Amino acid sequence: MNALFDLHGRLAVVTGARRGIGRAMAEALAAAGADIIGVSARLRDDDEVATAVRRLGRSFEGHAVDFADRGAVLALGAVLAGRAPDILINNAGTIERAPAATHPLQWWDRVIEVDLSSQFALTQLVAGPMLERGSGKVVFTASMLSFQGGINVPGYTAAKSGIAGVTRALANEWAGRGVNVNAIAPGYIATDNTEALRADPERSSSILGRIPAGRWGRPDDLAGAAIFLCSAASDYVSGAILAVDGGWLGR
C-alpha cells in the first residue's frame, strides 16, 4: 500500500457505523489498516460491520449510543477521549420528511440534535487529545443539502448546512494545531435515508436525470474519499467539503 494512504497503527472512531455509508467507511479504513471503534444507535458486537472489520484483520469495538440523547453522547465522548483516537468520522444521522409548513417541531429538534449538535459535542471531546499531541483527522458527513435547499426536509437541510459551517469553523481554529477537519458530501446514495425517494417514480426519475454518472451512488463509492481525508495524503487539506455525487453539483 502507498504510504500516503496507509492507516496501520491508527485508531478510528466511526459513528453511524452499523450500515450504509458509515459501514462502508469503517470497512474502508480497516482495509487501509486502521482499528475501528464503531458507534450506532443499535450496534451489536455481532453486526455485519464488526465481522467484516475483523475479517480484514483489524480490531472492532462497538458502542450503542442514541445521538438524540445528549447525556449519552457526552458520556461516549469522555470514554473515547480517554482512548485518544487518531481519526473521528462523524457520520451518525437521521432524516424526517414533511412539508415545511406542517413539519412537526419535535422532528426539527431531533434532527438538529442528532445531525448537528451531537456532532459538535462529540468532536469537542474526541478532538481534545488530538489537539494536545498536534495530530488528528476529523471528517464530517455533509450532504448535497449542505449546498441546496431540498424538498420536505427543512431540519435536515438546516443541520447539513450547519455541518458545512462547523467544518470550516473548526478547520480555521485547528489546522495550525495539526488537526485536519474536512467533510464528505455524498450525493444521492442508495441507503435507508433515500429509500422514500427511490420508491417515488417521479422523484427518482428526476434525480437520476440530473446525475451525469447516470446511477444512484453506492455506499462504497465513499470509501476512497474517506481513506484520503483520514490519511497523510490530505495533510494540507483543511476546511474542504468533498462532494462524492456522480457530478450532481456540476450539472
Protein backbone atom coordinates (compact mmCIF):
# COMPACT_ATOMS: atom_id res chain seq x y z
CA MET A 1 0.00 0.00 0.00
CA ASN A 2 1.17 3.54 -0.78
CA ALA A 3 2.44 5.01 2.49
CA LEU A 4 0.37 8.15 1.94
CA PHE A 5 -2.82 6.12 2.37
CA ASP A 6 -1.58 3.62 4.96
CA LEU A 7 -3.59 3.70 8.20
CA HIS A 8 -1.83 0.90 10.07
CA GLY A 9 -1.40 1.79 13.72
CA ARG A 10 -4.31 4.27 13.64
CA LEU A 11 -7.46 4.08 15.75
CA ALA A 12 -10.59 5.38 14.02
CA VAL A 13 -13.98 6.20 15.51
CA VAL A 14 -16.84 5.92 13.01
CA THR A 15 -20.33 6.95 14.10
CA GLY A 16 -23.38 5.64 12.31
CA ALA A 17 -21.23 2.61 11.54
CA ARG A 18 -23.86 -0.12 11.59
CA ARG A 19 -24.98 0.19 7.95
CA GLY A 20 -24.94 2.27 4.80
CA ILE A 21 -22.30 4.94 4.37
CA GLY A 22 -20.91 4.53 7.89
CA ARG A 23 -20.37 0.83 7.47
CA ALA A 24 -18.67 1.38 4.10
CA MET A 25 -16.34 3.96 5.64
CA ALA A 26 -15.49 1.74 8.60
CA GLU A 27 -14.65 -1.18 6.33
CA ALA A 28 -12.59 1.05 4.03
CA LEU A 29 -10.50 2.40 6.90
CA ALA A 30 -10.00 -1.12 8.22
CA ALA A 31 -8.86 -2.29 4.79
CA ALA A 32 -6.31 0.54 4.88
CA GLY A 33 -5.05 -0.73 8.26
CA ALA A 34 -7.00 1.15 10.94
CA ASP A 35 -8.58 -0.41 14.01
CA ILE A 36 -12.21 0.63 14.39
CA ILE A 37 -14.43 1.86 17.20
CA GLY A 38 -17.92 1.78 15.75
CA VAL A 39 -20.86 3.69 17.17
CA SER A 40 -24.52 3.45 16.25
CA ALA A 41 -27.89 3.56 18.00
CA ARG A 42 -28.47 -0.19 17.78
CA LEU A 43 -24.99 -1.53 17.19
CA ARG A 44 -24.27 -5.08 18.35
CA ASP A 45 -20.94 -6.85 18.58
CA ASP A 46 -22.07 -9.42 16.02
CA ASP A 47 -23.30 -6.92 13.41
CA GLU A 48 -22.01 -7.35 9.87
CA VAL A 49 -19.69 -4.36 10.13
CA ALA A 50 -17.93 -5.89 13.15
CA THR A 51 -17.50 -9.20 11.33
CA ALA A 52 -16.22 -7.50 8.18
CA VAL A 53 -13.65 -5.40 10.05
CA ARG A 54 -12.33 -8.42 11.95
CA ARG A 55 -12.08 -10.43 8.75
CA LEU A 56 -9.77 -7.71 7.48
CA GLY A 57 -7.50 -8.43 10.45
CA ARG A 58 -8.36 -5.29 12.39
CA SER A 59 -9.95 -4.91 15.82
CA PHE A 60 -13.53 -3.72 16.24
CA GLU A 61 -15.13 -2.28 19.35
CA GLY A 62 -18.79 -1.32 19.29
CA HIS A 63 -20.82 1.20 21.26
CA ALA A 64 -24.63 1.53 21.10
CA VAL A 65 -25.47 5.23 21.58
CA ASP A 66 -28.58 7.23 20.67
CA PHE A 67 -27.34 10.55 19.27
CA ALA A 68 -30.60 12.22 20.31
CA ASP A 69 -29.53 11.66 23.95
CA ARG A 70 -27.09 14.46 24.78
CA GLY A 71 -26.01 12.84 28.04
CA ALA A 72 -25.19 9.57 26.31
CA VAL A 73 -23.18 11.39 23.63
CA LEU A 74 -21.18 13.29 26.23
CA ALA A 75 -20.51 10.08 28.15
CA LEU A 76 -19.32 8.42 24.96
CA GLY A 77 -17.10 11.39 24.18
CA ALA A 78 -15.42 11.14 27.57
CA VAL A 79 -14.73 7.43 27.03
CA LEU A 80 -13.37 7.96 23.53
CA ALA A 81 -11.20 10.88 24.59
CA GLY A 82 -9.53 8.52 27.02
CA ARG A 83 -8.70 6.21 24.12
CA ALA A 84 -7.10 9.11 22.18
CA PRO A 85 -8.22 8.06 18.66
CA ASP A 86 -6.36 9.32 15.61
CA ILE A 87 -9.46 9.64 13.41
CA LEU A 88 -13.07 10.68 14.01
CA ILE A 89 -15.71 10.24 11.32
CA ASN A 90 -18.94 11.99 12.31
CA ASN A 91 -21.45 10.09 10.20
CA ALA A 92 -24.40 9.38 12.54
CA GLY A 93 -27.57 10.99 11.28
CA THR A 94 -31.30 10.88 10.78
CA ILE A 95 -33.89 12.49 8.49
CA GLU A 96 -37.58 13.35 8.71
CA ARG A 97 -39.72 14.22 5.70
CA ALA A 98 -42.74 16.56 5.83
CA PRO A 99 -43.59 19.90 4.16
CA ALA A 100 -42.07 22.88 5.96
CA ALA A 101 -45.47 24.45 6.71
CA THR A 102 -46.55 21.41 8.72
CA HIS A 103 -43.17 19.98 9.74
CA PRO A 104 -43.52 18.91 13.40
CA LEU A 105 -41.24 20.90 15.67
CA GLN A 106 -40.28 17.76 17.57
CA TRP A 107 -38.94 16.36 14.30
CA TRP A 108 -36.95 19.54 13.71
CA ASP A 109 -35.50 19.41 17.23
CA ARG A 110 -34.49 15.74 16.97
CA VAL A 111 -32.85 16.10 13.55
CA ILE A 112 -30.87 19.17 14.64
CA GLU A 113 -29.73 17.35 17.79
CA VAL A 114 -28.69 14.13 16.03
CA ASP A 115 -27.25 15.62 12.83
CA LEU A 116 -25.59 18.77 14.15
CA SER A 117 -25.46 19.43 17.88
CA SER A 118 -24.36 15.94 18.90
CA GLN A 119 -21.68 16.01 16.20
CA PHE A 120 -20.17 19.17 17.66
CA ALA A 121 -20.43 17.92 21.25
CA LEU A 122 -18.69 14.65 20.43
CA THR A 123 -15.99 16.36 18.36
CA GLN A 124 -15.14 18.77 21.17
CA LEU A 125 -14.30 15.87 23.45
CA VAL A 126 -12.63 13.49 20.97
CA ALA A 127 -10.51 16.23 19.40
CA GLY A 128 -9.07 17.27 22.75
CA PRO A 129 -6.28 14.65 22.75
CA MET A 130 -5.65 15.28 19.05
CA LEU A 131 -5.00 18.95 19.73
CA GLU A 132 -2.77 18.13 22.69
CA ARG A 133 -0.50 15.89 20.63
CA GLY A 134 -0.75 18.02 17.46
CA SER A 135 -2.20 15.47 15.04
CA GLY A 136 -5.56 14.02 14.05
CA LYS A 137 -8.22 13.78 11.39
CA VAL A 138 -11.87 14.77 11.78
CA VAL A 139 -14.30 14.08 8.95
CA PHE A 140 -17.97 15.07 8.95
CA THR A 141 -20.63 13.64 6.65
CA ALA A 142 -22.21 16.63 4.94
CA SER A 143 -24.77 16.36 2.11
CA MET A 144 -25.93 17.80 -1.19
CA LEU A 145 -28.23 19.76 1.12
CA SER A 146 -25.20 21.48 2.59
CA PHE A 147 -25.35 23.40 -0.71
CA GLN A 148 -29.04 23.22 -1.69
CA GLY A 149 -32.44 23.57 -0.07
CA GLY A 150 -34.06 20.22 -0.69
CA ILE A 151 -37.78 19.46 -0.51
CA ASN A 152 -39.73 18.49 2.62
CA VAL A 153 -36.61 18.16 4.80
CA PRO A 154 -36.10 21.59 6.45
CA GLY A 155 -34.47 20.22 9.61
CA TYR A 156 -32.07 18.02 7.67
CA THR A 157 -31.14 20.87 5.33
CA ALA A 158 -30.51 23.19 8.27
CA ALA A 159 -28.38 20.58 10.03
CA LYS A 160 -26.31 19.69 6.98
CA SER A 161 -25.80 23.36 6.11
CA GLY A 162 -24.62 23.75 9.70
CA ILE A 163 -22.20 20.85 9.29
CA ALA A 164 -20.58 22.68 6.38
CA GLY A 165 -20.15 25.74 8.57
CA VAL A 166 -18.83 23.79 11.55
CA THR A 167 -16.32 22.05 9.29
CA ARG A 168 -14.91 25.39 8.16
CA ALA A 169 -15.01 26.91 11.65
CA LEU A 170 -13.10 24.05 13.26
CA ALA A 171 -10.64 23.91 10.36
CA ASN A 172 -9.87 27.60 10.85
CA GLU A 173 -9.02 27.02 14.51
CA TRP A 174 -7.34 23.62 14.33
CA ALA A 175 -5.40 23.38 11.04
CA GLY A 176 -2.48 25.25 12.59
CA ARG A 177 -2.52 22.81 15.51
CA GLY A 178 -2.09 19.70 13.36
CA VAL A 179 -5.72 18.56 13.21
CA ASN A 180 -7.35 18.40 9.78
CA VAL A 181 -11.11 18.95 9.72
CA ASN A 182 -12.95 18.24 6.47
CA ALA A 183 -16.27 16.85 5.25
CA ILE A 184 -17.56 14.46 2.62
CA ALA A 185 -20.80 15.44 0.91
CA PRO A 186 -22.39 12.29 -0.51
CA GLY A 187 -24.66 12.64 -3.49
CA TYR A 188 -27.80 10.57 -3.83
CA ILE A 189 -26.71 7.24 -2.35
CA ALA A 190 -28.86 4.11 -2.21
CA THR A 191 -29.33 3.85 1.57
CA ASP A 192 -32.24 3.82 4.02
CA ASN A 193 -32.24 7.64 4.03
CA THR A 194 -33.10 7.76 0.33
CA GLU A 195 -35.50 4.83 0.24
CA ALA A 196 -38.55 7.11 0.05
CA LEU A 197 -37.05 8.98 -2.90
CA ARG A 198 -36.15 5.83 -4.78
CA ALA A 199 -39.66 4.44 -4.20
CA ASP A 200 -41.25 7.55 -5.75
CA PRO A 201 -41.06 7.07 -9.55
CA GLU A 202 -41.33 10.79 -10.31
CA ARG A 203 -38.68 11.89 -7.77
CA SER A 204 -36.38 9.01 -8.63
CA SER A 205 -36.55 9.77 -12.34
CA SER A 206 -35.97 13.48 -11.70
CA ILE A 207 -32.92 12.78 -9.54
CA LEU A 208 -31.38 10.25 -11.91
CA GLY A 209 -31.92 12.63 -14.82
CA ARG A 210 -29.64 15.18 -13.18
CA ILE A 211 -26.79 12.82 -12.19
CA PRO A 212 -24.21 12.77 -15.01
CA ALA A 213 -22.98 9.36 -13.84
CA GLY A 214 -26.47 8.04 -14.60
CA ARG A 215 -26.95 6.00 -11.42
CA TRP A 216 -27.60 6.23 -7.70
CA GLY A 217 -24.43 6.10 -5.67
CA ARG A 218 -23.43 3.11 -3.57
CA PRO A 219 -22.09 3.35 -0.01
CA ASP A 220 -18.72 2.00 -1.13
CA ASP A 221 -18.39 4.95 -3.52
CA LEU A 222 -17.40 6.91 -0.39
CA ALA A 223 -14.50 4.59 0.50
CA GLY A 224 -11.76 6.38 -1.40
CA ALA A 225 -12.73 9.82 -0.14
CA ALA A 226 -12.79 8.54 3.44
CA ILE A 227 -9.33 6.99 3.20
CA PHE A 228 -7.93 10.13 1.56
CA LEU A 229 -9.26 12.51 4.23
CA CYS A 230 -8.13 10.23 7.07
CA SER A 231 -4.61 9.63 5.76
CA ALA A 232 -1.36 11.53 5.32
CA ALA A 233 -2.39 12.18 1.71
CA SER A 234 -4.66 15.00 2.96
CA ASP A 235 -2.27 16.64 5.44
CA TYR A 236 -2.59 20.01 3.66
CA VAL A 237 -6.36 19.77 3.18
CA SER A 238 -8.45 21.67 5.73
CA GLY A 239 -12.00 23.00 5.66
CA ALA A 240 -12.83 21.21 2.42
CA ILE A 241 -16.22 19.74 1.62
CA LEU A 242 -15.54 16.95 -0.86
CA ALA A 243 -18.58 16.11 -2.97
CA VAL A 244 -18.91 12.47 -3.99
CA ASP A 245 -22.00 12.89 -6.09
CA GLY A 246 -21.61 11.44 -9.58
CA GLY A 247 -21.41 15.01 -10.90
CA TRP A 248 -24.68 16.29 -9.39
CA LEU A 249 -23.35 19.67 -8.27
CA GLY A 250 -21.68 20.34 -11.59
CA ARG A 251 -24.89 19.85 -13.57
